[in-house]
Amino acid sequence: MQAGWTCVYRSPFEHLAELVRVMLEEHDIDAVVLNKKDSSYLNFGQLEVFVPEEDQQTAEALILSLEL
């Protein structure tokens, strides 16, 4: 990931990572999902949600409110 972005959420489940990404974007926070799952064995690895560093605290507070 490029400098200036930080990981705020990790999950082995794609639907949870996408839920977090959509919720952050609804709150005007740019977010991207980086898929770090093994391409041969999809049960290994995680998906990570990244946001700009300046939005990290707000994003983490919003994620905690989801109670995943």
PDB file of N, CA and C in Angstrom:
ATOM      1  N   MET A   1       0.847  -1.180   0.000  1.00  0.00           N
ATOM      2  CA  MET A   1       0.000   0.000   0.000  1.00  0.00           C
ATOM      3  C   MET A   1       0.891   1.241   0.000  1.00  0.00           C
ATOM      4  N   GLN A   2       0.392   2.305  -0.566  1.00  0.00           N
ATOM      5  CA  GLN A   2       1.165   3.539  -0.654  1.00  0.00           C
ATOM      6  C   GLN A   2       1.340   4.203   0.701  1.00  0.00           C
ATOM      7  N   ALA A   3       2.376   4.995   0.795  1.00  0.00           N
ATOM      8  CA  ALA A   3       2.611   5.759   2.021  1.00  0.00           C
ATOM      9  C   ALA A   3       1.442   6.714   2.254  1.00  0.00           C
ATOM     10  N   GLY A   4       1.134   6.940   3.522  1.00  0.00           N
ATOM     11  CA  GLY A   4       0.035   7.832   3.853  1.00  0.00           C
ATOM     12  C   GLY A   4      -1.275   7.107   4.103  1.00  0.00           C
ATOM     13  N   TRP A   5      -1.283   5.788   3.946  1.00  0.00           N
ATOM     14  CA  TRP A   5      -2.469   4.972   4.203  1.00  0.00           C
ATOM     15  C   TRP A   5      -2.161   4.018   5.344  1.00  0.00           C
ATOM     16  N   THR A   6      -3.167   3.691   6.123  1.00  0.00           N
ATOM     17  CA  THR A   6      -2.978   2.792   7.248  1.00  0.00           C
ATOM     18  C   THR A   6      -4.119   1.779   7.315  1.00  0.00           C
ATOM     19  N   CYS A   7      -3.798   0.599   7.794  1.00  0.00           N
ATOM     20  CA  CYS A   7      -4.783  -0.475   7.919  1.00  0.00           C
ATOM     21  C   CYS A   7      -5.601  -0.260   9.196  1.00  0.00           C
ATOM     22  N   VAL A   8      -6.932  -0.268   9.054  1.00  0.00           N
ATOM     23  CA  VAL A   8      -7.801  -0.075  10.217  1.00  0.00           C
ATOM     24  C   VAL A   8      -8.657  -1.300  10.516  1.00  0.00           C
ATOM     25  N   TYR A   9      -8.650  -2.285   9.615  1.00  0.00           N
ATOM     26  CA  TYR A   9      -9.483  -3.464   9.836  1.00  0.00           C
ATOM     27  C   TYR A   9      -8.925  -4.638   9.045  1.00  0.00           C
ATOM     28  N   ARG A  10      -8.981  -5.837   9.655  1.00  0.00           N
ATOM     29  CA  ARG A  10      -8.569  -7.079   8.984  1.00  0.00           C
ATOM     30  C   ARG A  10      -9.630  -8.135   9.231  1.00  0.00           C
ATOM     31  N   SER A  11      -9.892  -8.935   8.203  1.00  0.00           N
ATOM     32  CA  SER A  11     -10.857 -10.017   8.351  1.00  0.00           C
ATOM     33  C   SER A  11     -10.559 -11.092   7.315  1.00  0.00           C
ATOM     34  N   PRO A  12     -10.810 -12.352   7.656  1.00  0.00           N
ATOM     35  CA  PRO A  12     -10.681 -13.403   6.652  1.00  0.00           C
ATOM     36  C   PRO A  12     -11.929 -13.468   5.767  1.00  0.00           C
ATOM     37  N   PHE A  13     -12.957 -12.682   6.101  1.00  0.00           N
ATOM     38  CA  PHE A  13     -14.236 -12.737   5.385  1.00  0.00           C
ATOM     39  C   PHE A  13     -14.428 -11.511   4.501  1.00  0.00           C
ATOM     40  N   GLU A  14     -14.617 -11.745   3.206  1.00  0.00           N
ATOM     41  CA  GLU A  14     -14.759 -10.651   2.248  1.00  0.00           C
ATOM     42  C   GLU A  14     -15.979  -9.780   2.555  1.00  0.00           C
ATOM     43  N   HIS A  15     -17.090 -10.393   2.941  1.00  0.00           N
ATOM     44  CA  HIS A  15     -18.294  -9.604   3.181  1.00  0.00           C
ATOM     45  C   HIS A  15     -18.124  -8.628   4.344  1.00  0.00           C
ATOM     46  N   LEU A  16     -17.342  -8.987   5.369  1.00  0.00           N
ATOM     47  CA  LEU A  16     -17.119  -8.067   6.480  1.00  0.00           C
ATOM     48  C   LEU A  16     -16.207  -6.911   6.077  1.00  0.00           C
ATOM     49  N   ALA A  17     -15.167  -7.219   5.313  1.00  0.00           N
ATOM     50  CA  ALA A  17     -14.264  -6.162   4.845  1.00  0.00           C
ATOM     51  C   ALA A  17     -15.016  -5.178   3.949  1.00  0.00           C
ATOM     52  N   GLU A  18     -15.880  -5.684   3.082  1.00  0.00           N
ATOM     53  CA  GLU A  18     -16.662  -4.804   2.205  1.00  0.00           C
ATOM     54  C   GLU A  18     -17.685  -4.000   2.998  1.00  0.00           C
ATOM     55  N   LEU A  19     -18.266  -4.594   4.021  1.00  0.00           N
ATOM     56  CA  LEU A  19     -19.204  -3.876   4.880  1.00  0.00           C
ATOM     57  C   LEU A  19     -18.506  -2.682   5.534  1.00  0.00           C
ATOM     58  N   VAL A  20     -17.314  -2.902   6.037  1.00  0.00           N
ATOM     59  CA  VAL A  20     -16.545  -1.828   6.664  1.00  0.00           C
ATOM     60  C   VAL A  20     -16.196  -0.761   5.634  1.00  0.00           C
ATOM     61  N   ARG A  21     -15.754  -1.167   4.457  1.00  0.00           N
ATOM     62  CA  ARG A  21     -15.394  -0.199   3.410  1.00  0.00           C
ATOM     63  C   ARG A  21     -16.580   0.680   3.034  1.00  0.00           C
ATOM     64  N   VAL A  22     -17.732   0.068   2.814  1.00  0.00           N
ATOM     65  CA  VAL A  22     -18.928   0.823   2.425  1.00  0.00           C
ATOM     66  C   VAL A  22     -19.351   1.786   3.534  1.00  0.00           C
ATOM     67  N   MET A  23     -19.332   1.319   4.780  1.00  0.00           N
ATOM     68  CA  MET A  23     -19.707   2.174   5.897  1.00  0.00           C
ATOM     69  C   MET A  23     -18.771   3.382   5.999  1.00  0.00           C
ATOM     70  N   LEU A  24     -17.469   3.157   5.819  1.00  0.00           N
ATOM     71  CA  LEU A  24     -16.519   4.273   5.876  1.00  0.00           C
ATOM     72  C   LEU A  24     -16.765   5.257   4.742  1.00  0.00           C
ATOM     73  N   GLU A  25     -17.029   4.751   3.549  1.00  0.00           N
ATOM     74  CA  GLU A  25     -17.291   5.640   2.417  1.00  0.00           C
ATOM     75  C   GLU A  25     -18.589   6.420   2.605  1.00  0.00           C
ATOM     76  N   GLU A  26     -19.577   5.832   3.284  1.00  0.00           N
ATOM     77  CA  GLU A  26     -20.808   6.558   3.588  1.00  0.00           C
ATOM     78  C   GLU A  26     -20.554   7.716   4.546  1.00  0.00           C
ATOM     79  N   HIS A  27     -19.463   7.645   5.295  1.00  0.00           N
ATOM     80  CA  HIS A  27     -19.070   8.720   6.203  1.00  0.00           C
ATOM     81  C   HIS A  27     -17.959   9.592   5.599  1.00  0.00           C
ATOM     82  N   ASP A  28     -17.857   9.574   4.277  1.00  0.00           N
ATOM     83  CA  ASP A  28     -16.904  10.401   3.515  1.00  0.00           C
ATOM     84  C   ASP A  28     -15.447  10.129   3.862  1.00  0.00           C
ATOM     85  N   ILE A  29     -15.134   8.867   4.138  1.00  0.00           N
ATOM     86  CA  ILE A  29     -13.752   8.455   4.368  1.00  0.00           C
ATOM     87  C   ILE A  29     -13.354   7.527   3.229  1.00  0.00           C
ATOM     88  N   ASP A  30     -12.319   7.908   2.486  1.00  0.00           N
ATOM     89  CA  ASP A  30     -11.826   7.037   1.417  1.00  0.00           C
ATOM     90  C   ASP A  30     -11.330   5.741   2.035  1.00  0.00           C
ATOM     91  N   ALA A  31     -11.710   4.619   1.443  1.00  0.00           N
ATOM     92  CA  ALA A  31     -11.291   3.320   1.965  1.00  0.00           C
ATOM     93  C   ALA A  31     -11.097   2.348   0.809  1.00  0.00           C
ATOM     94  N   VAL A  32     -10.091   1.502   0.945  1.00  0.00           N
ATOM     95  CA  VAL A  32      -9.842   0.466  -0.054  1.00  0.00           C
ATOM     96  C   VAL A  32      -9.604  -0.863   0.660  1.00  0.00           C
ATOM     97  N   VAL A  33     -10.019  -1.942  -0.009  1.00  0.00           N
ATOM     98  CA  VAL A  33      -9.806  -3.285   0.525  1.00  0.00           C
ATOM     99  C   VAL A  33      -8.656  -3.911  -0.236  1.00  0.00           C
ATOM    100  N   LEU A  34      -7.681  -4.392   0.493  1.00  0.00           N
ATOM    101  CA  LEU A  34      -6.534  -5.076  -0.092  1.00  0.00           C
ATOM    102  C   LEU A  34      -6.673  -6.563   0.233  1.00  0.00           C
ATOM    103  N   ASN A  35      -6.774  -7.377  -0.806  1.00  0.00           N
ATOM    104  CA  ASN A  35      -6.963  -8.816  -0.638  1.00  0.00           C
ATOM    105  C   ASN A  35      -5.601  -9.484  -0.511  1.00  0.00           C
ATOM    106  N   LYS A  36      -5.316 -10.030   0.663  1.00  0.00           N
ATOM    107  CA  LYS A  36      -4.046 -10.720   0.903  1.00  0.00           C
ATOM    108  C   LYS A  36      -4.265 -12.221   1.074  1.00  0.00           C
ATOM    109  N   LYS A  37      -5.359 -12.720   0.498  1.00  0.00           N
ATOM    110  CA  LYS A  37      -5.632 -14.153   0.561  1.00  0.00           C
ATOM    111  C   LYS A  37      -4.757 -14.888  -0.443  1.00  0.00           C
ATOM    112  N   ASP A  38      -4.358 -16.096  -0.096  1.00  0.00           N
ATOM    113  CA  ASP A  38      -3.587 -16.944  -0.997  1.00  0.00           C
ATOM    114  C   ASP A  38      -4.462 -17.301  -2.192  1.00  0.00           C
ATOM    115  N   SER A  39      -3.954 -17.155  -3.397  1.00  0.00           N
ATOM    116  CA  SER A  39      -4.761 -17.412  -4.587  1.00  0.00           C
ATOM    117  C   SER A  39      -5.033 -18.895  -4.810  1.00  0.00           C
ATOM    118  N   SER A  40      -4.243 -19.763  -4.240  1.00  0.00           N
ATOM    119  CA  SER A  40      -4.453 -21.196  -4.404  1.00  0.00           C
ATOM    120  C   SER A  40      -5.349 -21.782  -3.309  1.00  0.00           C
ATOM    121  N   TYR A  41      -5.190 -21.280  -2.102  1.00  0.00           N
ATOM    122  CA  TYR A  41      -5.943 -21.782  -0.951  1.00  0.00           C
ATOM    123  C   TYR A  41      -6.638 -20.591  -0.298  1.00  0.00           C
ATOM    124  N   LEU A  42      -7.884 -20.356  -0.658  1.00  0.00           N
ATOM    125  CA  LEU A  42      -8.572 -19.142  -0.224  1.00  0.00           C
ATOM    126  C   LEU A  42      -8.856 -19.065   1.269  1.00  0.00           C
ATOM    127  N   ASN A  43      -8.605 -20.152   2.004  1.00  0.00           N
ATOM    128  CA  ASN A  43      -8.830 -20.074   3.438  1.00  0.00           C
ATOM    129  C   ASN A  43      -7.583 -19.610   4.199  1.00  0.00           C
ATOM    130  N   PHE A  44      -6.536 -19.218   3.489  1.00  0.00           N
ATOM    131  CA  PHE A  44      -5.335 -18.650   4.110  1.00  0.00           C
ATOM    132  C   PHE A  44      -5.237 -17.176   3.744  1.00  0.00           C
ATOM    133  N   GLY A  45      -4.990 -16.352   4.735  1.00  0.00           N
ATOM    134  CA  GLY A  45      -4.800 -14.934   4.470  1.00  0.00           C
ATOM    135  C   GLY A  45      -5.987 -14.105   4.924  1.00  0.00           C
ATOM    136  N   GLN A  46      -5.866 -12.806   4.730  1.00  0.00           N
ATOM    137  CA  GLN A  46      -6.888 -11.882   5.194  1.00  0.00           C
ATOM    138  C   GLN A  46      -7.120 -10.791   4.166  1.00  0.00           C
ATOM    139  N   LEU A  47      -8.222 -10.090   4.354  1.00  0.00           N
ATOM    140  CA  LEU A  47      -8.495  -8.878   3.607  1.00  0.00           C
ATOM    141  C   LEU A  47      -8.283  -7.722   4.566  1.00  0.00           C
ATOM    142  N   GLU A  48      -7.662  -6.645   4.091  1.00  0.00           N
ATOM    143  CA  GLU A  48      -7.359  -5.505   4.948  1.00  0.00           C
ATOM    144  C   GLU A  48      -8.017  -4.256   4.375  1.00  0.00           C
ATOM    145  N   VAL A  49      -8.560  -3.441   5.256  1.00  0.00           N
ATOM    146  CA  VAL A  49      -9.178  -2.179   4.860  1.00  0.00           C
ATOM    147  C   VAL A  49      -8.227  -1.049   5.239  1.00  0.00           C
ATOM    148  N   PHE A  50      -7.873  -0.237   4.261  1.00  0.00           N
ATOM    149  CA  PHE A  50      -6.950   0.878   4.458  1.00  0.00           C
ATOM    150  C   PHE A  50      -7.675   2.209   4.277  1.00  0.00           C
ATOM    151  N   VAL A  51      -7.267   3.191   5.079  1.00  0.00           N
ATOM    152  CA  VAL A  51      -7.780   4.558   4.972  1.00  0.00           C
ATOM    153  C   VAL A  51      -6.591   5.520   5.028  1.00  0.00           C
ATOM    154  N   PRO A  52      -6.784   6.765   4.575  1.00  0.00           N
ATOM    155  CA  PRO A  52      -5.710   7.753   4.738  1.00  0.00           C
ATOM    156  C   PRO A  52      -5.396   7.951   6.218  1.00  0.00           C
ATOM    157  N   GLU A  53      -4.123   8.171   6.526  1.00  0.00           N
ATOM    158  CA  GLU A  53      -3.683   8.293   7.922  1.00  0.00           C
ATOM    159  C   GLU A  53      -4.455   9.350   8.696  1.00  0.00           C
ATOM    160  N   GLU A  54      -4.830  10.449   8.037  1.00  0.00           N
ATOM    161  CA  GLU A  54      -5.536  11.519   8.748  1.00  0.00           C
ATOM    162  C   GLU A  54      -6.960  11.114   9.162  1.00  0.00           C
ATOM    163  N   ASP A  55      -7.492  10.041   8.568  1.00  0.00           N
ATOM    164  CA  ASP A  55      -8.831   9.562   8.913  1.00  0.00           C
ATOM    165  C   ASP A  55      -8.811   8.341   9.838  1.00  0.00           C
ATOM    166  N   GLN A  56      -7.639   7.933  10.290  1.00  0.00           N
ATOM    167  CA  GLN A  56      -7.508   6.696  11.058  1.00  0.00           C
ATOM    168  C   GLN A  56      -8.365   6.683  12.323  1.00  0.00           C
ATOM    169  N   GLN A  57      -8.277   7.705  13.147  1.00  0.00           N
ATOM    170  CA  GLN A  57      -9.012   7.711  14.415  1.00  0.00           C
ATOM    171  C   GLN A  57     -10.519   7.682  14.200  1.00  0.00           C
ATOM    172  N   THR A  58     -11.008   8.464  13.261  1.00  0.00           N
ATOM    173  CA  THR A  58     -12.441   8.480  12.966  1.00  0.00           C
ATOM    174  C   THR A  58     -12.896   7.125  12.446  1.00  0.00           C
ATOM    175  N   ALA A  59     -12.099   6.538  11.544  1.00  0.00           N
ATOM    176  CA  ALA A  59     -12.443   5.237  10.975  1.00  0.00           C
ATOM    177  C   ALA A  59     -12.490   4.161  12.051  1.00  0.00           C
ATOM    178  N   GLU A  60     -11.512   4.139  12.935  1.00  0.00           N
ATOM    179  CA  GLU A  60     -11.482   3.129  13.992  1.00  0.00           C
ATOM    180  C   GLU A  60     -12.681   3.281  14.937  1.00  0.00           C
ATOM    181  N   ALA A  61     -13.083   4.512  15.230  1.00  0.00           N
ATOM    182  CA  ALA A  61     -14.247   4.732  16.087  1.00  0.00           C
ATOM    183  C   ALA A  61     -15.520   4.243  15.408  1.00  0.00           C
ATOM    184  N   LEU A  62     -15.644   4.487  14.117  1.00  0.00           N
ATOM    185  CA  LEU A  62     -16.808   4.014  13.379  1.00  0.00           C
ATOM    186  C   LEU A  62     -16.850   2.493  13.311  1.00  0.00           C
ATOM    187  N   ILE A  63     -15.703   1.868  13.122  1.00  0.00           N
ATOM    188  CA  ILE A  63     -15.633   0.406  13.056  1.00  0.00           C
ATOM    189  C   ILE A  63     -16.026  -0.203  14.395  1.00  0.00           C
ATOM    190  N   LEU A  64     -15.584   0.389  15.492  1.00  0.00           N
ATOM    191  CA  LEU A  64     -15.960  -0.106  16.813  1.00  0.00           C
ATOM    192  C   LEU A  64     -17.467  -0.016  17.038  1.00  0.00           C
ATOM    193  N   SER A  65     -18.098   0.989  16.433  1.00  0.00           N
ATOM    194  CA  SER A  65     -19.547   1.135  16.612  1.00  0.00           C
ATOM    195  C   SER A  65     -20.328   0.050  15.873  1.00  0.00           C
ATOM    196  N   LEU A  66     -19.696  -0.634  14.929  1.00  0.00           N
ATOM    197  CA  LEU A  66     -20.379  -1.701  14.192  1.00  0.00           C
ATOM    198  C   LEU A  66     -20.568  -2.955  15.027  1.00  0.00           C
ATOM    199  N   GLU A  67     -19.739  -3.173  16.016  1.00  0.00           N
ATOM    200  CA  GLU A  67     -19.791  -4.360  16.862  1.00  0.00           C
ATOM    201  C   GLU A  67     -19.728  -5.645  16.039  1.00  0.00           C
ATOM    202  N   LEU A  68     -18.724  -5.778  15.200  1.00  0.00           N
ATOM    203  CA  LEU A  68     -18.568  -6.968  14.361  1.00  0.00           C
ATOM    204  C   LEU A  68     -18.104  -8.133  15.164  1.00  0.00           C
TER     205      LEU A  68
END
